[in-house]
Amino acid sequence: MITLKNLSKTFATPAGTFTALNDINLEINRGEFVGVIGKSGSGKSTLLNMIGGIDRPSTGVVSVADTPIQDFNENRLATWRGRNVGFVFQFFQLLPTLTAAENIMLPMDFSKSVPTNERHKRALTLLDRVGVIEQADKLPATLSGGEQQRVAIARALANEPSVVLADEPTGNLDSVTAQSIFNLFREMASAGTTVVIATHEADIARVIDRTVEISDGSLVS
């Protein structure tokens, strides 16, 4: 599902060139649940950004579902990303003035992947899938952290992406809630979605298929 070949990413800084990723070679299978671990600043988030097309590599190839995306123009990349990749973030990133259901409908509105008259029904189906359908008409501020993250996961699934990327999705959650979120990702992978999660959590080893460790921009295991 995901192939990275000789992938490197450098940034220009006032102190000189900074290498965030250095000659990464990695393959991730369809339906695999992979945990990317490493210290803060090791390159985990940059790696996820490369896979999801949020950022472009300086050199190398990023291929998702046999589609090399590194040379797409911005419009084509945005269209591809909206239909093929779901993102889950540490701070949820829900729009505060929209209800839970409306937050989930938003990606469908942008990608036009679901007929207009079916979007609300699909949002409710996804909220039910992640266990918070009773929160459908509530604003994010009225939900607990765990409930907000479940809504965010439902939003990531709005367009039935083949890949879900999660960047420290349990960083603001207690250990019990974090474990339930990990279990939810496990269920998604078992159903065929490829899930890549960047995390510091040691407990993730119980539910993932494989760990990829990154240090100073390089794969170490």
N, C-alpha and C. Protein backbone atom coordinates (compact mmCIF):
# COMPACT_ATOMS: atom_id res chain seq x y z
N MET A 1 0.82 -1.21 0.00
CA MET A 1 0.00 0.00 0.00
C MET A 1 0.86 1.26 0.00
N ILE A 2 1.93 1.27 0.82
CA ILE A 2 2.81 2.44 0.92
C ILE A 2 4.25 2.02 0.65
N THR A 3 4.91 2.73 -0.26
CA THR A 3 6.32 2.47 -0.54
C THR A 3 7.08 3.80 -0.53
N LEU A 4 8.09 3.86 0.30
CA LEU A 4 8.99 5.02 0.34
C LEU A 4 10.37 4.55 -0.14
N LYS A 5 10.92 5.23 -1.15
CA LYS A 5 12.21 4.85 -1.71
C LYS A 5 13.18 6.02 -1.64
N ASN A 6 14.29 5.81 -0.94
CA ASN A 6 15.37 6.81 -0.84
C ASN A 6 14.80 8.19 -0.52
N LEU A 7 13.89 8.21 0.44
CA LEU A 7 13.17 9.43 0.78
C LEU A 7 13.97 10.30 1.74
N SER A 8 14.19 11.54 1.36
CA SER A 8 14.87 12.51 2.22
C SER A 8 14.11 13.83 2.21
N LYS A 9 14.19 14.54 3.34
CA LYS A 9 13.55 15.85 3.44
C LYS A 9 14.47 16.78 4.21
N THR A 10 14.80 17.90 3.59
CA THR A 10 15.62 18.92 4.24
C THR A 10 14.86 20.23 4.30
N PHE A 11 15.15 21.01 5.33
CA PHE A 11 14.55 22.33 5.49
C PHE A 11 15.66 23.36 5.63
N ALA A 12 15.45 24.53 5.06
CA ALA A 12 16.39 25.63 5.23
C ALA A 12 16.04 26.39 6.49
N THR A 13 17.00 26.58 7.38
CA THR A 13 16.79 27.30 8.63
C THR A 13 17.84 28.40 8.75
N PRO A 14 17.63 29.37 9.65
CA PRO A 14 18.64 30.41 9.83
C PRO A 14 20.01 29.85 10.22
N ALA A 15 20.01 28.66 10.84
CA ALA A 15 21.27 28.05 11.24
C ALA A 15 21.88 27.17 10.16
N GLY A 16 21.17 27.05 9.02
CA GLY A 16 21.66 26.20 7.93
C GLY A 16 20.64 25.14 7.57
N THR A 17 21.03 24.19 6.77
CA THR A 17 20.13 23.14 6.31
C THR A 17 19.91 22.09 7.40
N PHE A 18 18.64 21.76 7.62
CA PHE A 18 18.30 20.75 8.61
C PHE A 18 17.71 19.54 7.89
N THR A 19 18.26 18.36 8.16
CA THR A 19 17.78 17.13 7.54
C THR A 19 16.77 16.47 8.48
N ALA A 20 15.49 16.50 8.07
CA ALA A 20 14.43 15.91 8.90
C ALA A 20 14.29 14.42 8.64
N LEU A 21 14.49 14.00 7.39
CA LEU A 21 14.46 12.59 7.01
C LEU A 21 15.65 12.30 6.12
N ASN A 22 16.27 11.15 6.34
CA ASN A 22 17.50 10.84 5.62
C ASN A 22 17.44 9.45 5.00
N ASP A 23 17.23 9.40 3.68
CA ASP A 23 17.30 8.15 2.90
C ASP A 23 16.43 7.04 3.50
N ILE A 24 15.14 7.33 3.62
CA ILE A 24 14.19 6.37 4.19
C ILE A 24 13.72 5.39 3.12
N ASN A 25 13.80 4.10 3.42
CA ASN A 25 13.24 3.05 2.57
C ASN A 25 12.30 2.22 3.44
N LEU A 26 11.02 2.18 3.04
CA LEU A 26 10.02 1.54 3.89
C LEU A 26 8.85 1.06 3.04
N GLU A 27 8.35 -0.13 3.37
CA GLU A 27 7.13 -0.64 2.74
C GLU A 27 6.13 -1.01 3.82
N ILE A 28 4.87 -0.63 3.60
CA ILE A 28 3.79 -0.94 4.54
C ILE A 28 2.67 -1.59 3.74
N ASN A 29 2.19 -2.72 4.20
CA ASN A 29 1.21 -3.51 3.47
C ASN A 29 -0.21 -2.99 3.68
N ARG A 30 -1.08 -3.35 2.77
CA ARG A 30 -2.49 -3.03 2.89
C ARG A 30 -3.06 -3.69 4.16
N GLY A 31 -3.80 -2.92 4.95
CA GLY A 31 -4.41 -3.45 6.16
C GLY A 31 -3.45 -3.64 7.32
N GLU A 32 -2.23 -3.13 7.20
CA GLU A 32 -1.25 -3.26 8.28
C GLU A 32 -1.40 -2.09 9.25
N PHE A 33 -1.20 -2.36 10.53
CA PHE A 33 -1.24 -1.34 11.57
C PHE A 33 0.19 -1.15 12.06
N VAL A 34 0.79 -0.03 11.69
CA VAL A 34 2.21 0.22 11.96
C VAL A 34 2.35 1.39 12.92
N GLY A 35 3.17 1.21 13.94
CA GLY A 35 3.49 2.27 14.88
C GLY A 35 4.86 2.85 14.58
N VAL A 36 4.93 4.16 14.39
CA VAL A 36 6.20 4.86 14.19
C VAL A 36 6.60 5.46 15.52
N ILE A 37 7.71 5.01 16.08
CA ILE A 37 8.13 5.49 17.39
C ILE A 37 9.47 6.21 17.29
N GLY A 38 9.74 7.04 18.27
CA GLY A 38 10.98 7.81 18.31
C GLY A 38 10.81 9.01 19.21
N LYS A 39 11.91 9.61 19.57
CA LYS A 39 11.89 10.77 20.44
C LYS A 39 11.28 11.97 19.73
N SER A 40 10.89 12.97 20.49
CA SER A 40 10.40 14.21 19.92
C SER A 40 11.47 14.81 19.01
N GLY A 41 11.08 15.20 17.81
CA GLY A 41 12.04 15.77 16.86
C GLY A 41 12.78 14.74 16.03
N SER A 42 12.41 13.47 16.18
CA SER A 42 13.13 12.42 15.45
C SER A 42 12.75 12.34 13.98
N GLY A 43 11.58 12.89 13.62
CA GLY A 43 11.14 12.84 12.23
C GLY A 43 9.84 12.11 12.01
N LYS A 44 9.17 11.71 13.10
CA LYS A 44 7.93 10.93 12.98
C LYS A 44 6.84 11.71 12.22
N SER A 45 6.60 12.94 12.65
CA SER A 45 5.53 13.73 12.02
C SER A 45 5.87 14.03 10.56
N THR A 46 7.13 14.32 10.29
CA THR A 46 7.54 14.59 8.91
C THR A 46 7.31 13.37 8.03
N LEU A 47 7.58 12.19 8.57
CA LEU A 47 7.35 10.95 7.82
C LEU A 47 5.88 10.81 7.47
N LEU A 48 4.99 11.04 8.44
CA LEU A 48 3.56 10.96 8.17
C LEU A 48 3.13 12.01 7.14
N ASN A 49 3.70 13.21 7.24
CA ASN A 49 3.37 14.27 6.28
C ASN A 49 3.77 13.90 4.86
N MET A 50 4.87 13.16 4.72
CA MET A 50 5.30 12.70 3.39
C MET A 50 4.31 11.70 2.82
N ILE A 51 3.90 10.74 3.65
CA ILE A 51 2.97 9.70 3.20
C ILE A 51 1.62 10.32 2.81
N GLY A 52 1.18 11.31 3.58
CA GLY A 52 -0.12 11.91 3.35
C GLY A 52 -0.14 13.03 2.34
N GLY A 53 1.01 13.38 1.80
CA GLY A 53 1.04 14.44 0.81
C GLY A 53 0.86 15.83 1.39
N ILE A 54 1.03 15.98 2.70
CA ILE A 54 0.98 17.32 3.30
C ILE A 54 2.25 18.08 2.96
N ASP A 55 3.36 17.36 2.88
CA ASP A 55 4.64 17.96 2.53
C ASP A 55 5.28 17.12 1.44
N ARG A 56 6.23 17.71 0.73
CA ARG A 56 6.88 17.03 -0.39
C ARG A 56 8.31 16.65 -0.02
N PRO A 57 8.78 15.51 -0.51
CA PRO A 57 10.17 15.12 -0.23
C PRO A 57 11.15 16.00 -1.01
N SER A 58 12.35 16.14 -0.45
CA SER A 58 13.42 16.82 -1.20
C SER A 58 13.95 15.90 -2.28
N THR A 59 14.09 14.62 -1.96
CA THR A 59 14.47 13.60 -2.93
C THR A 59 13.73 12.32 -2.59
N GLY A 60 13.60 11.44 -3.58
CA GLY A 60 13.00 10.13 -3.34
C GLY A 60 11.57 10.03 -3.84
N VAL A 61 10.99 8.86 -3.60
CA VAL A 61 9.67 8.52 -4.13
C VAL A 61 8.72 8.17 -2.99
N VAL A 62 7.50 8.69 -3.09
CA VAL A 62 6.40 8.32 -2.18
C VAL A 62 5.30 7.72 -3.04
N SER A 63 5.02 6.43 -2.84
CA SER A 63 4.00 5.76 -3.61
C SER A 63 2.94 5.19 -2.67
N VAL A 64 1.68 5.55 -2.92
CA VAL A 64 0.57 5.06 -2.12
C VAL A 64 -0.43 4.40 -3.06
N ALA A 65 -0.73 3.12 -2.81
CA ALA A 65 -1.62 2.35 -3.69
C ALA A 65 -1.14 2.42 -5.14
N ASP A 66 0.17 2.23 -5.32
CA ASP A 66 0.80 2.23 -6.65
C ASP A 66 0.73 3.58 -7.35
N THR A 67 0.48 4.64 -6.60
CA THR A 67 0.42 5.98 -7.17
C THR A 67 1.55 6.83 -6.62
N PRO A 68 2.57 7.17 -7.45
CA PRO A 68 3.64 8.07 -6.98
C PRO A 68 3.10 9.50 -6.89
N ILE A 69 3.15 10.07 -5.70
CA ILE A 69 2.47 11.35 -5.48
C ILE A 69 3.42 12.54 -5.40
N GLN A 70 4.73 12.29 -5.38
CA GLN A 70 5.65 13.39 -5.10
C GLN A 70 5.68 14.46 -6.19
N ASP A 71 5.24 14.12 -7.41
CA ASP A 71 5.28 15.09 -8.50
C ASP A 71 3.91 15.69 -8.83
N PHE A 72 2.89 15.37 -8.04
CA PHE A 72 1.56 15.96 -8.27
C PHE A 72 1.62 17.47 -8.04
N ASN A 73 0.85 18.23 -8.83
CA ASN A 73 0.71 19.65 -8.51
C ASN A 73 -0.23 19.80 -7.32
N GLU A 74 -0.34 21.00 -6.79
CA GLU A 74 -1.08 21.20 -5.53
C GLU A 74 -2.55 20.80 -5.65
N ASN A 75 -3.19 21.16 -6.75
CA ASN A 75 -4.60 20.82 -6.91
C ASN A 75 -4.82 19.32 -6.99
N ARG A 76 -3.99 18.66 -7.78
CA ARG A 76 -4.13 17.21 -7.91
C ARG A 76 -3.82 16.51 -6.59
N LEU A 77 -2.82 17.03 -5.89
CA LEU A 77 -2.45 16.44 -4.61
C LEU A 77 -3.58 16.60 -3.59
N ALA A 78 -4.20 17.77 -3.55
CA ALA A 78 -5.29 18.01 -2.61
C ALA A 78 -6.48 17.09 -2.90
N THR A 79 -6.79 16.91 -4.18
CA THR A 79 -7.89 16.02 -4.56
C THR A 79 -7.58 14.58 -4.18
N TRP A 80 -6.36 14.15 -4.49
CA TRP A 80 -5.93 12.78 -4.14
C TRP A 80 -5.98 12.56 -2.63
N ARG A 81 -5.45 13.52 -1.88
CA ARG A 81 -5.39 13.39 -0.42
C ARG A 81 -6.79 13.31 0.19
N GLY A 82 -7.71 14.13 -0.31
CA GLY A 82 -9.06 14.14 0.24
C GLY A 82 -9.79 12.83 0.06
N ARG A 83 -9.45 12.11 -1.00
CA ARG A 83 -10.15 10.86 -1.30
C ARG A 83 -9.45 9.62 -0.78
N ASN A 84 -8.15 9.72 -0.49
CA ASN A 84 -7.39 8.51 -0.18
C ASN A 84 -6.77 8.45 1.20
N VAL A 85 -6.69 9.59 1.90
CA VAL A 85 -6.00 9.63 3.18
C VAL A 85 -6.88 10.29 4.24
N GLY A 86 -6.96 9.67 5.41
CA GLY A 86 -7.63 10.27 6.55
C GLY A 86 -6.61 10.63 7.61
N PHE A 87 -6.74 11.80 8.21
CA PHE A 87 -5.78 12.27 9.21
C PHE A 87 -6.44 12.38 10.58
N VAL A 88 -5.70 11.97 11.60
CA VAL A 88 -6.13 12.12 12.99
C VAL A 88 -4.99 12.80 13.74
N PHE A 89 -5.32 13.87 14.49
CA PHE A 89 -4.29 14.68 15.14
C PHE A 89 -4.40 14.63 16.66
N GLN A 90 -3.32 15.01 17.33
CA GLN A 90 -3.29 15.00 18.79
C GLN A 90 -4.33 15.94 19.38
N PHE A 91 -4.52 17.10 18.76
CA PHE A 91 -5.42 18.11 19.32
C PHE A 91 -6.78 18.14 18.60
N PHE A 92 -7.13 17.01 17.98
CA PHE A 92 -8.46 16.75 17.40
C PHE A 92 -8.76 17.57 16.16
N GLN A 93 -8.53 18.90 16.21
CA GLN A 93 -8.74 19.79 15.06
C GLN A 93 -10.19 19.77 14.56
N LEU A 94 -11.13 19.64 15.48
CA LEU A 94 -12.54 19.76 15.11
C LEU A 94 -12.92 21.23 15.02
N LEU A 95 -13.77 21.58 14.07
CA LEU A 95 -14.22 22.97 13.96
C LEU A 95 -15.23 23.24 15.07
N PRO A 96 -14.97 24.24 15.91
CA PRO A 96 -15.77 24.43 17.13
C PRO A 96 -17.21 24.86 16.89
N THR A 97 -17.51 25.47 15.73
CA THR A 97 -18.86 25.96 15.49
C THR A 97 -19.73 24.94 14.76
N LEU A 98 -19.17 23.76 14.46
CA LEU A 98 -19.93 22.70 13.80
C LEU A 98 -20.19 21.57 14.77
N THR A 99 -21.33 20.93 14.63
CA THR A 99 -21.63 19.77 15.46
C THR A 99 -20.73 18.60 15.07
N ALA A 100 -20.77 17.55 15.87
CA ALA A 100 -19.97 16.37 15.56
C ALA A 100 -20.31 15.84 14.17
N ALA A 101 -21.59 15.72 13.89
CA ALA A 101 -22.01 15.21 12.57
C ALA A 101 -21.56 16.13 11.45
N GLU A 102 -21.67 17.43 11.66
CA GLU A 102 -21.27 18.40 10.62
C GLU A 102 -19.78 18.36 10.38
N ASN A 103 -18.97 18.14 11.43
CA ASN A 103 -17.53 18.00 11.26
C ASN A 103 -17.20 16.82 10.35
N ILE A 104 -17.95 15.74 10.49
CA ILE A 104 -17.70 14.54 9.69
C ILE A 104 -18.17 14.74 8.25
N MET A 105 -19.22 15.51 8.07
CA MET A 105 -19.73 15.76 6.73
C MET A 105 -18.82 16.68 5.92
N LEU A 106 -17.99 17.48 6.59
CA LEU A 106 -17.17 18.47 5.90
C LEU A 106 -16.24 17.86 4.84
N PRO A 107 -15.48 16.79 5.15
CA PRO A 107 -14.65 16.19 4.10
C PRO A 107 -15.45 15.69 2.91
N MET A 108 -16.66 15.21 3.15
CA MET A 108 -17.52 14.77 2.05
C MET A 108 -17.93 15.96 1.19
N ASP A 109 -18.18 17.11 1.83
CA ASP A 109 -18.53 18.32 1.10
C ASP A 109 -17.39 18.76 0.18
N PHE A 110 -16.16 18.70 0.70
CA PHE A 110 -15.01 19.13 -0.08
C PHE A 110 -14.73 18.19 -1.25
N SER A 111 -14.77 16.88 -0.98
CA SER A 111 -14.41 15.91 -2.01
C SER A 111 -15.57 15.50 -2.90
N LYS A 112 -16.79 15.83 -2.45
CA LYS A 112 -18.00 15.44 -3.19
C LYS A 112 -18.01 13.94 -3.47
N SER A 113 -17.53 13.19 -2.48
CA SER A 113 -17.40 11.74 -2.62
C SER A 113 -18.70 11.01 -2.31
N VAL A 114 -19.60 11.69 -1.61
CA VAL A 114 -20.87 11.11 -1.20
C VAL A 114 -21.99 12.04 -1.65
N PRO A 115 -23.07 11.51 -2.25
CA PRO A 115 -24.18 12.39 -2.65
C PRO A 115 -24.68 13.23 -1.48
N THR A 116 -25.06 14.46 -1.77
CA THR A 116 -25.44 15.42 -0.74
C THR A 116 -26.50 14.86 0.22
N ASN A 117 -27.49 14.19 -0.31
CA ASN A 117 -28.59 13.72 0.53
C ASN A 117 -28.23 12.49 1.37
N GLU A 118 -27.01 11.96 1.19
CA GLU A 118 -26.58 10.79 1.94
C GLU A 118 -25.51 11.11 2.99
N ARG A 119 -25.03 12.35 3.00
CA ARG A 119 -23.88 12.69 3.85
C ARG A 119 -24.21 12.64 5.34
N HIS A 120 -25.38 13.14 5.71
CA HIS A 120 -25.73 13.12 7.13
C HIS A 120 -25.92 11.69 7.62
N LYS A 121 -26.54 10.87 6.83
CA LYS A 121 -26.73 9.47 7.20
C LYS A 121 -25.39 8.77 7.37
N ARG A 122 -24.44 9.04 6.46
CA ARG A 122 -23.11 8.43 6.57
C ARG A 122 -22.39 8.92 7.83
N ALA A 123 -22.53 10.21 8.14
CA ALA A 123 -21.92 10.75 9.35
C ALA A 123 -22.44 10.02 10.59
N LEU A 124 -23.73 9.79 10.64
CA LEU A 124 -24.31 9.08 11.78
C LEU A 124 -23.81 7.64 11.84
N THR A 125 -23.68 7.00 10.69
CA THR A 125 -23.17 5.63 10.64
C THR A 125 -21.75 5.57 11.20
N LEU A 126 -20.93 6.54 10.84
CA LEU A 126 -19.53 6.56 11.31
C LEU A 126 -19.48 6.87 12.81
N LEU A 127 -20.31 7.78 13.28
CA LEU A 127 -20.35 8.06 14.72
C LEU A 127 -20.77 6.83 15.50
N ASP A 128 -21.69 6.08 14.95
CA ASP A 128 -22.11 4.84 15.59
C ASP A 128 -20.97 3.83 15.61
N ARG A 129 -20.22 3.79 14.53
CA ARG A 129 -19.08 2.86 14.43
C ARG A 129 -18.04 3.13 15.50
N VAL A 130 -17.81 4.41 15.80
CA VAL A 130 -16.78 4.74 16.81
C VAL A 130 -17.38 4.91 18.20
N GLY A 131 -18.69 4.66 18.34
CA GLY A 131 -19.30 4.59 19.66
C GLY A 131 -19.77 5.89 20.27
N VAL A 132 -20.00 6.92 19.45
CA VAL A 132 -20.46 8.21 20.01
C VAL A 132 -21.62 8.79 19.22
N ILE A 133 -22.50 7.97 18.72
CA ILE A 133 -23.60 8.48 17.91
C ILE A 133 -24.51 9.41 18.72
N GLU A 134 -24.56 9.23 20.04
CA GLU A 134 -25.41 10.09 20.86
C GLU A 134 -24.88 11.53 20.93
N GLN A 135 -23.65 11.75 20.44
CA GLN A 135 -23.06 13.09 20.46
C GLN A 135 -23.22 13.80 19.11
N ALA A 136 -23.98 13.25 18.20
CA ALA A 136 -24.05 13.74 16.83
C ALA A 136 -24.37 15.23 16.72
N ASP A 137 -25.28 15.71 17.54
CA ASP A 137 -25.75 17.10 17.42
C ASP A 137 -25.10 18.05 18.42
N LYS A 138 -24.03 17.60 19.06
CA LYS A 138 -23.35 18.42 20.06
C LYS A 138 -22.10 19.09 19.47
N LEU A 139 -21.76 20.24 20.03
CA LEU A 139 -20.54 20.93 19.62
C LEU A 139 -19.33 20.31 20.31
N PRO A 140 -18.15 20.38 19.70
CA PRO A 140 -16.95 19.74 20.26
C PRO A 140 -16.65 20.15 21.70
N ALA A 141 -16.90 21.41 22.05
CA ALA A 141 -16.56 21.90 23.39
C ALA A 141 -17.34 21.19 24.49
N THR A 142 -18.46 20.58 24.13
CA THR A 142 -19.27 19.89 25.14
C THR A 142 -18.88 18.42 25.29
N LEU A 143 -17.91 17.96 24.50
CA LEU A 143 -17.50 16.56 24.52
C LEU A 143 -16.21 16.38 25.32
N SER A 144 -16.01 15.19 25.87
CA SER A 144 -14.74 14.87 26.54
C SER A 144 -13.65 14.70 25.50
N GLY A 145 -12.41 14.66 25.96
CA GLY A 145 -11.29 14.48 25.04
C GLY A 145 -11.41 13.19 24.25
N GLY A 146 -11.78 12.12 24.93
CA GLY A 146 -11.93 10.83 24.25
C GLY A 146 -13.04 10.86 23.21
N GLU A 147 -14.14 11.54 23.54
CA GLU A 147 -15.25 11.65 22.59
C GLU A 147 -14.85 12.49 21.38
N GLN A 148 -14.11 13.58 21.63
CA GLN A 148 -13.65 14.40 20.51
C GLN A 148 -12.73 13.61 19.58
N GLN A 149 -11.86 12.78 20.17
CA GLN A 149 -10.96 12.01 19.33
C GLN A 149 -11.71 10.96 18.53
N ARG A 150 -12.75 10.39 19.09
CA ARG A 150 -13.57 9.43 18.34
C ARG A 150 -14.28 10.11 17.18
N VAL A 151 -14.76 11.32 17.41
CA VAL A 151 -15.36 12.09 16.32
C VAL A 151 -14.32 12.37 15.24
N ALA A 152 -13.10 12.72 15.67
CA ALA A 152 -12.03 13.00 14.72
C ALA A 152 -11.69 11.76 13.89
N ILE A 153 -11.74 10.59 14.52
CA ILE A 153 -11.48 9.35 13.79
C ILE A 153 -12.59 9.09 12.79
N ALA A 154 -13.84 9.33 13.21
CA ALA A 154 -14.96 9.17 12.28
C ALA A 154 -14.80 10.12 11.09
N ARG A 155 -14.36 11.34 11.35
CA ARG A 155 -14.13 12.30 10.26
C ARG A 155 -13.06 11.79 9.31
N ALA A 156 -12.01 11.19 9.87
CA ALA A 156 -10.93 10.66 9.03
C ALA A 156 -11.42 9.56 8.10
N LEU A 157 -12.50 8.89 8.49
CA LEU A 157 -13.05 7.80 7.69
C LEU A 157 -14.15 8.25 6.73
N ALA A 158 -14.44 9.54 6.70
CA ALA A 158 -15.59 10.06 5.97
C ALA A 158 -15.61 9.63 4.51
N ASN A 159 -14.46 9.69 3.84
CA ASN A 159 -14.39 9.38 2.41
C ASN A 159 -13.86 7.98 2.13
N GLU A 160 -13.96 7.10 3.11
CA GLU A 160 -13.48 5.71 2.99
C GLU A 160 -12.04 5.65 2.48
N PRO A 161 -11.11 6.30 3.17
CA PRO A 161 -9.72 6.31 2.70
C PRO A 161 -9.07 4.94 2.82
N SER A 162 -8.10 4.70 1.96
CA SER A 162 -7.35 3.45 2.05
C SER A 162 -6.28 3.53 3.13
N VAL A 163 -5.89 4.75 3.51
CA VAL A 163 -4.84 4.96 4.50
C VAL A 163 -5.31 5.96 5.55
N VAL A 164 -5.09 5.63 6.82
CA VAL A 164 -5.34 6.57 7.92
C VAL A 164 -4.02 6.83 8.63
N LEU A 165 -3.68 8.11 8.79
CA LEU A 165 -2.45 8.53 9.46
C LEU A 165 -2.83 9.24 10.75
N ALA A 166 -2.21 8.84 11.84
CA ALA A 166 -2.53 9.42 13.15
C ALA A 166 -1.25 9.91 13.82
N ASP A 167 -1.20 11.19 14.13
CA ASP A 167 -0.01 11.80 14.73
C ASP A 167 -0.25 12.06 16.21
N GLU A 168 0.33 11.23 17.08
CA GLU A 168 0.18 11.33 18.53
C GLU A 168 -1.29 11.46 18.93
N PRO A 169 -2.16 10.58 18.44
CA PRO A 169 -3.60 10.76 18.66
C PRO A 169 -4.06 10.57 20.09
N THR A 170 -3.20 10.00 20.95
CA THR A 170 -3.61 9.78 22.34
C THR A 170 -2.81 10.65 23.31
N GLY A 171 -2.08 11.63 22.78
CA GLY A 171 -1.21 12.44 23.62
C GLY A 171 -1.93 13.25 24.68
N ASN A 172 -3.23 13.54 24.46
CA ASN A 172 -4.00 14.34 25.42
C ASN A 172 -5.05 13.51 26.14
N LEU A 173 -4.90 12.18 26.11
CA LEU A 173 -5.92 11.31 26.68
C LEU A 173 -5.35 10.50 27.84
N ASP A 174 -6.22 10.13 28.79
CA ASP A 174 -5.76 9.26 29.87
C ASP A 174 -5.51 7.86 29.32
N SER A 175 -4.85 7.01 30.12
CA SER A 175 -4.38 5.72 29.63
C SER A 175 -5.52 4.79 29.23
N VAL A 176 -6.62 4.82 29.97
CA VAL A 176 -7.76 3.95 29.64
C VAL A 176 -8.39 4.37 28.32
N THR A 177 -8.60 5.68 28.15
CA THR A 177 -9.17 6.18 26.91
C THR A 177 -8.22 5.94 25.75
N ALA A 178 -6.92 6.12 26.00
CA ALA A 178 -5.92 5.89 24.95
C ALA A 178 -5.98 4.45 24.45
N GLN A 179 -6.12 3.51 25.37
CA GLN A 179 -6.18 2.11 24.97
C GLN A 179 -7.42 1.83 24.13
N SER A 180 -8.53 2.47 24.45
CA SER A 180 -9.74 2.26 23.66
C SER A 180 -9.57 2.83 22.25
N ILE A 181 -8.83 3.94 22.14
CA ILE A 181 -8.56 4.52 20.83
C ILE A 181 -7.65 3.60 20.02
N PHE A 182 -6.62 3.04 20.67
CA PHE A 182 -5.75 2.09 19.99
C PHE A 182 -6.55 0.89 19.49
N ASN A 183 -7.47 0.41 20.30
CA ASN A 183 -8.29 -0.73 19.91
C ASN A 183 -9.15 -0.39 18.69
N LEU A 184 -9.60 0.87 18.62
CA LEU A 184 -10.41 1.30 17.49
C LEU A 184 -9.57 1.29 16.21
N PHE A 185 -8.34 1.77 16.31
CA PHE A 185 -7.44 1.71 15.14
C PHE A 185 -7.18 0.25 14.74
N ARG A 186 -7.05 -0.62 15.73
CA ARG A 186 -6.82 -2.04 15.46
C ARG A 186 -7.99 -2.62 14.65
N GLU A 187 -9.20 -2.27 15.03
CA GLU A 187 -10.39 -2.74 14.32
C GLU A 187 -10.39 -2.22 12.88
N MET A 188 -9.98 -0.96 12.69
CA MET A 188 -9.94 -0.39 11.35
C MET A 188 -8.95 -1.16 10.47
N ALA A 189 -7.77 -1.45 11.02
CA ALA A 189 -6.77 -2.18 10.25
C ALA A 189 -7.25 -3.59 9.93
N SER A 190 -7.88 -4.23 10.89
CA SER A 190 -8.39 -5.59 10.67
C SER A 190 -9.46 -5.61 9.58
N ALA A 191 -10.14 -4.47 9.39
CA ALA A 191 -11.17 -4.37 8.35
C ALA A 191 -10.58 -3.99 7.00
N GLY A 192 -9.24 -3.77 6.92
CA GLY A 192 -8.59 -3.54 5.64
C GLY A 192 -7.98 -2.17 5.43
N THR A 193 -8.19 -1.24 6.37
CA THR A 193 -7.59 0.09 6.25
C THR A 193 -6.15 0.04 6.74
N THR A 194 -5.24 0.63 5.99
CA THR A 194 -3.85 0.72 6.42
C THR A 194 -3.73 1.87 7.42
N VAL A 195 -3.21 1.59 8.60
CA VAL A 195 -3.13 2.60 9.67
C VAL A 195 -1.67 2.78 10.07
N VAL A 196 -1.22 4.04 10.02
CA VAL A 196 0.14 4.38 10.46
C VAL A 196 0.02 5.42 11.55
N ILE A 197 0.58 5.12 12.71
CA ILE A 197 0.41 5.98 13.87
C ILE A 197 1.77 6.35 14.45
N ALA A 198 2.01 7.64 14.64
CA ALA A 198 3.21 8.12 15.32
C ALA A 198 2.86 8.31 16.79
N THR A 199 3.65 7.73 17.67
CA THR A 199 3.28 7.76 19.09
C THR A 199 4.49 7.57 19.99
N HIS A 200 4.34 8.05 21.24
CA HIS A 200 5.30 7.77 22.29
C HIS A 200 4.82 6.62 23.18
N GLU A 201 3.57 6.20 23.01
CA GLU A 201 2.95 5.26 23.92
C GLU A 201 3.56 3.87 23.83
N ALA A 202 4.04 3.35 24.96
CA ALA A 202 4.61 2.01 24.97
C ALA A 202 3.54 0.94 24.84
N ASP A 203 2.33 1.22 25.32
CA ASP A 203 1.27 0.22 25.32
C ASP A 203 0.80 -0.17 23.92
N ILE A 204 1.17 0.62 22.91
CA ILE A 204 0.69 0.34 21.57
C ILE A 204 1.20 -1.00 21.05
N ALA A 205 2.30 -1.48 21.61
CA ALA A 205 2.89 -2.74 21.14
C ALA A 205 1.91 -3.90 21.21
N ARG A 206 0.90 -3.78 22.06
CA ARG A 206 -0.05 -4.88 22.24
C ARG A 206 -1.05 -4.99 21.09
N VAL A 207 -1.21 -3.94 20.31
CA VAL A 207 -2.25 -3.96 19.28
C VAL A 207 -1.73 -3.78 17.86
N ILE A 208 -0.49 -3.30 17.69
CA ILE A 208 0.00 -3.05 16.34
C ILE A 208 0.61 -4.31 15.73
N ASP A 209 0.80 -4.28 14.40
CA ASP A 209 1.44 -5.38 13.70
C ASP A 209 2.96 -5.24 13.71
N ARG A 210 3.43 -4.00 13.65
CA ARG A 210 4.86 -3.79 13.49
C ARG A 210 5.24 -2.40 14.00
N THR A 211 6.44 -2.30 14.53
CA THR A 211 6.97 -1.02 14.99
C THR A 211 8.11 -0.58 14.06
N VAL A 212 8.07 0.69 13.68
CA VAL A 212 9.15 1.30 12.91
C VAL A 212 9.76 2.38 13.79
N GLU A 213 11.04 2.25 14.09
CA GLU A 213 11.69 3.23 14.97
C GLU A 213 12.54 4.19 14.13
N ILE A 214 12.39 5.47 14.44
CA ILE A 214 13.13 6.50 13.72
C ILE A 214 13.93 7.34 14.70
N SER A 215 15.15 7.66 14.33
CA SER A 215 16.03 8.47 15.18
C SER A 215 16.83 9.43 14.32
N ASP A 216 16.76 10.71 14.64
CA ASP A 216 17.48 11.74 13.89
C ASP A 216 17.24 11.62 12.39
N GLY A 217 16.01 11.32 12.02
CA GLY A 217 15.63 11.29 10.63
C GLY A 217 15.93 10.00 9.88
N SER A 218 16.48 9.01 10.57
CA SER A 218 16.83 7.75 9.91
C SER A 218 16.11 6.59 10.57
N LEU A 219 15.77 5.56 9.79
CA LEU A 219 15.20 4.34 10.35
C LEU A 219 16.29 3.56 11.07
N VAL A 220 16.01 3.16 12.31
CA VAL A 220 17.01 2.38 13.07
C VAL A 220 16.52 0.95 13.29
N SER A 221 15.22 0.70 13.11
CA SER A 221 14.71 -0.68 13.20
C SER A 221 13.32 -0.72 12.58
